[in-house]
C-alpha atoms as a PDB file:
ATOM      1  CA  UNK A   1      37.303 127.573 192.266  1.00  0.00           C
ATOM      2  CA  UNK A   2      40.983 127.476 193.182  1.00  0.00           C
ATOM      3  CA  UNK A   3      41.444 124.176 191.298  1.00  0.00           C
ATOM      4  CA  UNK A   4      40.222 125.773 188.067  1.00  0.00           C
ATOM      5  CA  UNK A   5      43.052 128.324 188.216  1.00  0.00           C
ATOM      6  CA  UNK A   6      45.747 125.663 187.839  1.00  0.00           C
ATOM      7  CA  UNK A   7      47.085 125.624 184.240  1.00  0.00           C
ATOM      8  CA  UNK A   8      48.660 122.227 184.953  1.00  0.00           C
ATOM      9  CA  UNK A   9      45.367 120.625 185.910  1.00  0.00           C
ATOM     10  CA  UNK A  10      43.150 122.449 183.397  1.00  0.00           C
ATOM     11  CA  UNK A  11      45.146 123.542 180.359  1.00  0.00           C
ATOM     12  CA  UNK A  12      41.844 123.940 178.492  1.00  0.00           C
ATOM     13  CA  UNK A  13      38.899 125.454 180.344  1.00  0.00           C
ATOM     14  CA  UNK A  14      35.504 125.810 178.713  1.00  0.00           C
ATOM     15  CA  UNK A  15      32.521 127.324 180.486  1.00  0.00           C
ATOM     16  CA  UNK A  16      30.273 126.996 177.414  1.00  0.00           C
ATOM     17  CA  UNK A  17      29.456 130.698 177.588  1.00  0.00           C
ATOM     18  CA  UNK A  18      28.959 132.837 174.547  1.00  0.00           C
ATOM     19  CA  UNK A  19      28.792 136.618 174.910  1.00  0.00           C
ATOM     20  CA  UNK A  20      27.410 138.523 171.938  1.00  0.00           C
ATOM     21  CA  UNK A  21      26.105 141.981 171.146  1.00  0.00           C
ATOM     22  CA  UNK A  22      22.420 141.326 170.403  1.00  0.00           C
ATOM     23  CA  UNK A  23      21.961 144.538 168.408  1.00  0.00           C
ATOM     24  CA  UNK A  24      24.889 143.615 166.186  1.00  0.00           C
ATOM     25  CA  UNK A  25      23.620 140.045 165.806  1.00  0.00           C
ATOM     26  CA  UNK A  26      20.154 141.323 164.856  1.00  0.00           C
ATOM     27  CA  UNK A  27      21.665 143.647 162.249  1.00  0.00           C
ATOM     28  CA  UNK A  28      23.775 140.859 160.741  1.00  0.00           C
ATOM     29  CA  UNK A  29      20.791 138.510 160.553  1.00  0.00           C
ATOM     30  CA  UNK A  30      18.541 141.148 158.946  1.00  0.00           C
ATOM     31  CA  UNK A  31      21.159 142.100 156.327  1.00  0.00           C
ATOM     32  CA  UNK A  32      21.994 138.419 155.740  1.00  0.00           C
ATOM     33  CA  UNK A  33      25.701 139.076 156.341  1.00  0.00           C
ATOM     34  CA  UNK A  34      26.042 136.501 159.096  1.00  0.00           C
ATOM     35  CA  UNK A  35      27.744 133.424 157.689  1.00  0.00           C
ATOM     36  CA  UNK A  36      28.232 130.512 160.028  1.00  0.00           C
ATOM     37  CA  UNK A  37      28.609 126.784 159.592  1.00  0.00           C
ATOM     38  CA  UNK A  38      25.787 124.672 160.971  1.00  0.00           C
ATOM     39  CA  UNK A  39      26.894 121.957 163.373  1.00  0.00           C
ATOM     40  CA  UNK A  40      24.357 119.131 163.363  1.00  0.00           C
ATOM     41  CA  UNK A  41      24.340 116.902 166.427  1.00  0.00           C
ATOM     42  CA  UNK A  42      21.678 114.275 165.779  1.00  0.00           C
ATOM     43  CA  UNK A  43      20.309 112.445 168.807  1.00  0.00           C
ATOM     44  CA  UNK A  44      17.300 110.410 169.820  1.00  0.00           C
ATOM     45  CA  UNK A  45      15.229 110.781 172.969  1.00  0.00           C
ATOM     46  CA  UNK A  46      14.421 107.768 175.152  1.00  0.00           C
ATOM     47  CA  UNK A  47      11.053 107.494 173.398  1.00  0.00           C
ATOM     48  CA  UNK A  48      12.828 107.206 170.017  1.00  0.00           C
ATOM     49  CA  UNK A  49      12.006 110.726 168.801  1.00  0.00           C
ATOM     50  CA  UNK A  50      14.883 112.049 166.693  1.00  0.00           C
ATOM     51  CA  UNK A  51      16.141 115.532 167.503  1.00  0.00           C
ATOM     52  CA  UNK A  52      18.932 117.837 166.379  1.00  0.00           C
END
């Protein structure tokens, strides 16, 4: 963990964590006031099935 504290080695650190208030998110979805861009990342599985 010590290596991750070095700003010289890791000037950008991403843990891919997203913390949200679920009650607030639920309210925004129900009132249709949540506006977000959709990021599409198309891929194919080894069997050829296409997924997003």
